Amino acid sequence: MRQALLSRLINNDDILPAIRKPVLITQAAQDAIVKPSVVDQHKASIAHAEIQMMQNVGHAAFWDDAASFNRRQREFAARLGQAARAQAS
């Protein structure tokens, strides 16, 4: 089962360009499962996406460096909230 999961091909090329909402792509520089080069492919399809490349962590960046991961998520969400409040004013 693990071999099958790791060898499957997932292609979202038709979906990604349609995303209009804010996007934060978080990627671990040392991820051995999802290669960092995937970020370039996603960024090409979602030009407005922000990239968070986390150093010194593996596939479970949210676990390996939870403090940095959570801080960046909070910052992203706070900026979205500020923008929404400003737009509503």
Protein backbone atom coordinates (compact mmCIF):
# COMPACT_ATOMS: atom_id res chain seq x y z
CA MET A 1 0.00 0.00 0.00
CA ARG A 2 2.77 2.44 0.91
CA GLN A 3 4.56 1.73 -2.38
CA ALA A 4 1.34 2.40 -4.30
CA LEU A 5 0.71 5.66 -2.45
CA LEU A 6 4.24 6.91 -3.03
CA SER A 7 4.21 6.03 -6.71
CA ARG A 8 0.83 7.56 -7.61
CA LEU A 9 0.65 10.55 -9.89
CA ILE A 10 -1.51 13.45 -8.75
CA ASN A 11 -2.11 16.25 -11.19
CA ASN A 12 -4.04 19.38 -10.23
CA ASP A 13 -2.90 21.46 -13.18
CA ASP A 14 -6.49 22.08 -14.30
CA ILE A 15 -7.70 23.19 -10.86
CA LEU A 16 -4.90 25.39 -9.53
CA PRO A 17 -5.24 28.31 -12.01
CA ALA A 18 -8.91 28.65 -11.04
CA ILE A 19 -8.10 29.44 -7.39
CA ARG A 20 -8.88 33.08 -6.68
CA LYS A 21 -8.69 33.04 -2.89
CA PRO A 22 -5.50 33.87 -0.99
CA VAL A 23 -3.10 30.94 -0.89
CA LEU A 24 -0.18 30.15 1.39
CA ILE A 25 1.97 27.27 0.18
CA THR A 26 4.03 25.82 3.02
CA GLN A 27 6.83 23.49 1.98
CA ALA A 28 9.65 21.83 3.87
CA ALA A 29 13.01 22.22 2.18
CA GLN A 30 14.04 18.72 3.26
CA ASP A 31 10.73 17.00 2.42
CA ALA A 32 11.56 13.58 0.98
CA ILE A 33 7.96 12.85 -0.03
CA VAL A 34 6.78 16.06 -1.70
CA LYS A 35 9.82 17.50 -3.41
CA PRO A 36 10.41 21.25 -3.04
CA SER A 37 10.34 21.58 -6.84
CA VAL A 38 6.57 21.09 -6.64
CA VAL A 39 6.37 24.60 -5.15
CA ASP A 40 7.62 26.07 -8.43
CA GLN A 41 4.93 24.18 -10.33
CA HIS A 42 2.21 25.37 -7.97
CA LYS A 43 3.49 28.95 -7.98
CA ALA A 44 3.40 28.94 -11.78
CA SER A 45 -0.28 28.00 -11.63
CA ILE A 46 -1.23 30.25 -8.69
CA ALA A 47 0.74 33.44 -9.30
CA HIS A 48 -0.73 35.22 -6.27
CA ALA A 49 0.26 32.45 -3.84
CA GLU A 50 2.65 33.21 -1.01
CA ILE A 51 5.41 30.71 -0.37
CA GLN A 52 6.68 29.63 3.02
CA MET A 53 9.76 27.46 2.54
CA MET A 54 10.67 25.97 5.89
CA GLN A 55 14.29 25.01 6.46
CA ASN A 56 15.60 22.11 8.55
CA VAL A 57 12.30 20.23 8.63
CA GLY A 58 10.95 17.20 6.82
CA HIS A 59 7.55 16.24 5.44
CA ALA A 60 5.74 17.02 8.70
CA ALA A 61 6.84 20.64 8.99
CA PHE A 62 3.83 21.40 11.18
CA TRP A 63 5.26 18.87 13.64
CA ASP A 64 9.01 19.35 13.21
CA ASP A 65 8.83 23.10 13.78
CA ALA A 66 5.32 23.74 15.05
CA ALA A 67 6.14 27.18 16.45
CA SER A 68 7.35 28.57 13.11
CA PHE A 69 4.62 26.82 11.16
CA ASN A 70 1.86 28.14 13.43
CA ARG A 71 3.34 31.64 13.59
CA ARG A 72 3.34 31.90 9.78
CA GLN A 73 -0.22 30.57 9.57
CA ARG A 74 -1.36 33.15 12.14
CA GLU A 75 0.42 35.99 10.30
CA PHE A 76 -1.18 34.97 7.02
CA ALA A 77 -4.65 34.76 8.58
CA ALA A 78 -4.18 38.09 10.39
CA ARG A 79 -3.27 39.84 7.13
CA LEU A 80 -6.35 38.37 5.48
CA GLY A 81 -8.49 39.58 8.37
CA GLN A 82 -7.03 43.07 8.17
CA ALA A 83 -7.62 43.21 4.44
CA ALA A 84 -11.22 42.04 4.87
CA ARG A 85 -11.88 44.63 7.57
CA ALA A 86 -10.35 47.39 5.45
CA GLN A 87 -12.45 46.36 2.47
CA ALA A 88 -15.61 46.35 4.59
CA SER A 89 -14.96 49.91 5.83
